[in-house]
Amino acid sequence: MPATDGALQIPARFCGPSRSGNGGYTAGLLAERLAGHPHLDPECPVVEVTLRVPPPLETDLTVLHLDDVPSAQLLDGDALVAEARCTAEELSPVDEVSSEQAAEVMADYPGLRSHPFPRCFACGPERAEGDGLRIFPGPVGDGRVASVWVPHESLAEASDLLDPGVQRVNLATTWAALDCVGGWTTDLEGRPMVLGRIAARVDALPVVGERHVVVGAELSTEGRKTFTASTIYDSDGRIVARARHTWIAVDPAAFG
């Protein structure tokens, strides 16, 4: 029989649109419930999460584990908010961009001019340093976008297993960092979108205070759907995490 796994809440800090949860952060919370820590679980290297409705904030949500396959559902009462499943799909990384180039193109981040969700935890320019992630992807010039990201100490939630003095962010924050950079590979100003699906592989949790580079690339567009990919690199150029996304074009007024 399906089994419940206690309540899950999305604090208001982790919004995307002002009235609902950041898609990547919400997906990461559910992914963690599905497989413990997927980046340490060889049986579940990639988790795919599909978002069905805007995730409500500050609400007790139920996690339901299903018996037939490694999967889980996030429920608001009887309403299905999201569902997660393990997958063996390979996720190709987006090519690396240097830290210097990523820092330079952040000044051209389109969201600094116009942003459909300016309070977004991951990419909102109205979020202060230490509050939001402030990932501001600017165009590299070859279809990719990139941003520097230095995880703030306010996000420290996990100690390194081998070096207890090293602090890392949690899984949900890592998924959030993989999220919006994909959307900004397209004209998000003229064609606002929200995350509909994300599949991610996390090889290591990002280190607090370390300079990372987040890179995104557009893959294709089909009707209201846009498909993108993203990768996080650490200061030594190693891949920390990677993802692919499906975005759905929306009226931002419906989300707030």
Protein backbone atom coordinates (compact mmCIF):
# COMPACT_ATOMS: atom_id res chain seq x y z
CA MET A 1 0.00 0.00 0.00
CA PRO A 2 1.09 3.62 -0.51
CA ALA A 3 2.72 5.08 2.59
CA THR A 4 2.73 8.68 3.77
CA ASP A 5 5.96 10.37 4.86
CA GLY A 6 4.83 13.14 7.17
CA ALA A 7 4.14 16.76 6.30
CA LEU A 8 6.27 18.97 4.07
CA GLN A 9 6.12 22.77 4.01
CA ILE A 10 7.56 25.28 1.56
CA PRO A 11 8.55 28.40 3.55
CA ALA A 12 7.62 31.73 1.94
CA ARG A 13 11.32 32.54 1.52
CA PHE A 14 11.53 29.90 -1.21
CA CYS A 15 8.94 31.34 -3.58
CA GLY A 16 9.18 31.57 -7.36
CA PRO A 17 6.12 33.59 -8.24
CA SER A 18 5.19 35.52 -5.11
CA ARG A 19 2.31 33.21 -4.17
CA SER A 20 3.86 29.79 -4.92
CA GLY A 21 7.01 27.81 -4.37
CA ASN A 22 10.08 28.00 -6.56
CA GLY A 23 9.77 25.03 -8.90
CA GLY A 24 13.33 23.78 -8.48
CA TYR A 25 13.27 24.13 -4.71
CA THR A 26 9.93 22.31 -4.45
CA ALA A 27 11.15 19.55 -6.75
CA GLY A 28 14.33 19.16 -4.69
CA LEU A 29 12.34 18.80 -1.47
CA LEU A 30 10.29 16.00 -2.99
CA ALA A 31 13.35 14.37 -4.59
CA GLU A 32 15.02 14.21 -1.18
CA ARG A 33 11.97 12.46 0.28
CA LEU A 34 11.93 9.98 -2.60
CA ALA A 35 15.47 8.66 -2.34
CA GLY A 36 17.11 10.09 0.74
CA HIS A 37 20.07 11.88 -0.81
CA PRO A 38 20.02 11.01 -4.53
CA HIS A 39 23.57 12.26 -5.09
CA LEU A 40 24.73 9.50 -2.72
CA ASP A 41 22.33 6.82 -3.99
CA PRO A 42 23.62 4.79 -6.99
CA GLU A 43 20.21 3.17 -7.28
CA CYS A 44 18.61 6.55 -8.06
CA PRO A 45 21.16 8.72 -9.89
CA VAL A 46 18.56 10.96 -11.55
CA VAL A 47 15.21 12.08 -10.16
CA GLU A 48 12.54 13.56 -12.42
CA VAL A 49 9.84 15.76 -10.86
CA THR A 50 6.71 16.94 -12.65
CA LEU A 51 4.90 19.95 -11.20
CA ARG A 52 1.13 19.75 -11.66
CA VAL A 53 -0.09 22.96 -9.97
CA PRO A 54 1.65 25.97 -8.39
CA PRO A 55 3.12 24.68 -5.08
CA PRO A 56 1.41 26.45 -2.16
CA LEU A 57 3.54 28.23 0.43
CA GLU A 58 3.39 27.80 4.21
CA THR A 59 1.00 24.86 3.84
CA ASP A 60 1.21 21.34 5.25
CA LEU A 61 1.64 19.10 2.21
CA THR A 62 1.61 15.30 2.29
CA VAL A 63 4.29 13.09 0.71
CA LEU A 64 2.88 9.79 -0.52
CA HIS A 65 5.26 6.97 -1.49
CA LEU A 66 3.95 4.52 -4.09
CA ASP A 67 4.67 0.81 -3.95
CA ASP A 68 4.79 -0.23 -7.60
CA VAL A 69 7.76 1.92 -8.70
CA PRO A 70 10.26 4.19 -6.91
CA SER A 71 8.03 7.25 -7.00
CA ALA A 72 6.35 9.75 -4.70
CA GLN A 73 3.55 12.29 -4.84
CA LEU A 74 3.20 15.68 -3.14
CA LEU A 75 -0.41 16.36 -2.17
CA ASP A 76 -2.33 19.40 -0.95
CA GLY A 77 -5.33 17.59 0.49
CA ASP A 78 -6.57 15.56 -2.48
CA ALA A 79 -4.91 17.82 -5.06
CA LEU A 80 -1.75 16.52 -6.75
CA VAL A 81 0.96 19.21 -6.55
CA ALA A 82 3.95 17.26 -7.89
CA GLU A 83 5.20 13.76 -8.52
CA ALA A 84 8.75 12.37 -8.54
CA ARG A 85 10.30 9.22 -9.94
CA CYS A 86 13.73 7.70 -10.25
CA THR A 87 15.06 7.42 -13.78
CA ALA A 88 18.18 6.02 -15.40
CA GLU A 89 18.21 8.74 -18.06
CA GLU A 90 21.56 10.29 -18.89
CA LEU A 91 21.78 14.06 -18.48
CA SER A 92 24.35 15.72 -20.71
CA PRO A 93 26.15 18.69 -19.11
CA VAL A 94 26.11 22.17 -20.59
CA ASP A 95 29.62 23.23 -21.60
CA GLU A 96 31.53 25.17 -18.96
CA VAL A 97 31.91 28.95 -18.95
CA SER A 98 34.82 30.55 -17.13
CA SER A 99 34.15 32.30 -13.84
CA GLU A 100 35.49 35.55 -15.28
CA GLN A 101 33.20 35.45 -18.31
CA ALA A 102 30.19 34.46 -16.17
CA ALA A 103 30.80 37.43 -13.85
CA GLU A 104 31.06 39.78 -16.84
CA VAL A 105 27.82 38.71 -18.55
CA MET A 106 25.77 38.99 -15.33
CA ALA A 107 25.57 42.73 -16.01
CA ASP A 108 23.51 41.88 -19.12
CA TYR A 109 21.02 39.71 -17.23
CA PRO A 110 17.61 40.53 -18.82
CA GLY A 111 15.86 40.13 -15.46
CA LEU A 112 17.53 43.32 -14.24
CA ARG A 113 15.44 45.22 -16.83
CA SER A 114 12.18 43.30 -16.63
CA HIS A 115 11.30 40.22 -14.60
CA PRO A 116 7.95 38.37 -14.51
CA PHE A 117 8.64 37.15 -10.95
CA PRO A 118 11.11 39.62 -9.36
CA ARG A 119 10.88 38.00 -5.91
CA CYS A 120 11.94 34.56 -7.16
CA PHE A 121 14.26 32.83 -4.68
CA ALA A 122 16.69 31.74 -7.40
CA CYS A 123 16.88 34.62 -9.86
CA GLY A 124 14.83 37.51 -8.47
CA PRO A 125 16.65 40.87 -8.47
CA GLU A 126 14.50 42.10 -5.58
CA ARG A 127 15.99 39.51 -3.23
CA ALA A 128 18.79 40.80 -1.00
CA GLU A 129 22.22 39.19 -0.70
CA GLY A 130 21.90 36.29 1.72
CA ASP A 131 18.14 36.02 1.16
CA GLY A 132 17.79 34.82 -2.43
CA LEU A 133 20.38 33.02 -4.56
CA ARG A 134 20.79 36.04 -6.86
CA ILE A 135 21.71 33.89 -9.86
CA PHE A 136 21.62 36.40 -12.73
CA PRO A 137 22.30 34.56 -16.02
CA GLY A 138 23.60 36.75 -18.84
CA PRO A 139 24.07 35.69 -22.47
CA VAL A 140 27.44 34.21 -23.35
CA GLY A 141 26.92 34.69 -27.07
CA ASP A 142 26.57 31.13 -28.34
CA GLY A 143 23.11 30.21 -27.08
CA ARG A 144 24.27 29.71 -23.51
CA VAL A 145 23.77 31.87 -20.44
CA ALA A 146 25.90 31.91 -17.31
CA SER A 147 26.10 33.36 -13.82
CA VAL A 148 28.48 33.23 -10.91
CA TRP A 149 26.92 31.87 -7.73
CA VAL A 150 28.52 31.95 -4.28
CA PRO A 151 26.24 30.08 -1.82
CA HIS A 152 25.61 32.32 1.20
CA GLU A 153 26.28 31.18 4.76
CA SER A 154 22.57 31.61 5.55
CA LEU A 155 21.99 28.55 3.35
CA ALA A 156 24.44 26.28 5.17
CA GLU A 157 22.55 23.17 6.19
CA ALA A 158 24.88 20.22 5.69
CA SER A 159 28.42 19.42 6.86
CA ASP A 160 30.89 17.71 4.57
CA LEU A 161 31.13 14.02 5.47
CA LEU A 162 34.91 13.99 5.09
CA ASP A 163 35.66 17.52 6.31
CA PRO A 164 33.23 18.67 9.03
CA GLY A 165 34.61 22.21 8.75
CA VAL A 166 33.14 22.56 5.23
CA GLN A 167 29.51 23.66 5.05
CA ARG A 168 27.25 22.86 2.12
CA VAL A 169 23.77 23.87 1.01
CA ASN A 170 20.99 21.30 1.04
CA LEU A 171 19.55 19.35 -1.85
CA ALA A 172 16.52 21.59 -2.41
CA THR A 173 18.72 24.70 -2.71
CA THR A 174 20.92 22.87 -5.22
CA TRP A 175 17.86 22.04 -7.33
CA ALA A 176 16.75 25.70 -7.08
CA ALA A 177 20.15 26.80 -8.41
CA LEU A 178 19.66 24.47 -11.40
CA ASP A 179 16.21 25.85 -12.14
CA CYS A 180 15.82 29.40 -13.48
CA VAL A 181 19.06 29.53 -15.46
CA GLY A 182 17.31 27.29 -17.99
CA GLY A 183 14.38 29.66 -18.39
CA TRP A 184 16.65 32.63 -19.05
CA THR A 185 18.14 30.95 -22.13
CA THR A 186 14.98 32.17 -23.91
CA ASP A 187 13.03 35.43 -24.08
CA LEU A 188 11.55 35.16 -20.60
CA GLU A 189 10.70 38.87 -20.67
CA GLY A 190 8.48 38.55 -23.73
CA ARG A 191 7.35 34.96 -23.15
CA PRO A 192 7.03 34.31 -19.40
CA MET A 193 7.24 30.65 -18.42
CA VAL A 194 7.10 28.48 -15.31
CA LEU A 195 8.81 25.18 -14.66
CA GLY A 196 6.71 22.16 -15.58
CA ARG A 197 9.26 19.37 -15.18
CA ILE A 198 12.86 19.02 -14.04
CA ALA A 199 15.18 16.01 -13.95
CA ALA A 200 18.40 16.43 -11.99
CA ARG A 201 21.52 14.60 -10.96
CA VAL A 202 23.47 16.00 -8.00
CA ASP A 203 27.01 14.63 -7.62
CA ALA A 204 27.98 16.88 -4.69
CA LEU A 205 26.24 19.55 -2.65
CA PRO A 206 27.65 23.05 -3.37
CA VAL A 207 30.08 24.42 -0.78
CA VAL A 208 29.08 27.57 1.08
CA GLY A 209 31.34 30.53 0.25
CA GLU A 210 32.86 28.85 -2.82
CA ARG A 211 32.59 30.48 -6.24
CA HIS A 212 30.46 28.37 -8.60
CA VAL A 213 29.36 28.93 -12.19
CA VAL A 214 25.82 28.07 -13.28
CA VAL A 215 25.35 27.56 -17.02
CA GLY A 216 22.16 27.09 -19.06
CA ALA A 217 21.32 26.22 -22.68
CA GLU A 218 18.13 26.08 -24.73
CA LEU A 219 17.48 22.72 -26.40
CA SER A 220 14.21 23.15 -28.35
CA THR A 221 10.71 24.67 -28.35
CA GLU A 222 7.41 22.95 -29.11
CA GLY A 223 4.23 25.02 -28.85
CA ARG A 224 3.90 26.33 -25.29
CA LYS A 225 6.78 24.09 -24.12
CA THR A 226 10.47 24.99 -24.09
CA PHE A 227 13.19 22.45 -23.26
CA THR A 228 16.44 23.54 -21.62
CA ALA A 229 19.42 22.20 -19.66
CA SER A 230 21.69 23.50 -16.90
CA THR A 231 24.89 22.59 -15.08
CA ILE A 232 26.65 23.83 -11.94
CA TYR A 233 30.46 23.84 -11.89
CA ASP A 234 32.60 24.32 -8.78
CA SER A 235 35.68 26.54 -8.51
CA ASP A 236 37.89 23.75 -9.88
CA GLY A 237 35.69 23.25 -12.95
CA ARG A 238 34.16 20.01 -11.70
CA ILE A 239 30.50 19.29 -12.36
CA VAL A 240 28.48 19.57 -9.15
CA ALA A 241 25.02 19.01 -10.60
CA ARG A 242 23.14 18.98 -13.88
CA ALA A 243 19.51 19.14 -14.99
CA ARG A 244 17.11 19.31 -17.89
CA HIS A 245 13.83 21.22 -17.82
CA THR A 246 10.45 21.55 -19.48
CA TRP A 247 9.00 25.07 -19.29
CA ILE A 248 5.38 26.07 -19.92
CA ALA A 249 4.47 29.53 -21.27
CA VAL A 250 1.96 31.24 -18.93
CA ASP A 251 0.26 34.52 -18.10
CA PRO A 252 2.31 35.74 -15.11
CA ALA A 253 -0.73 37.58 -13.71
CA ALA A 254 -2.25 34.18 -12.92
CA PHE A 255 0.66 33.40 -10.59
CA GLY A 256 1.37 36.75 -8.92
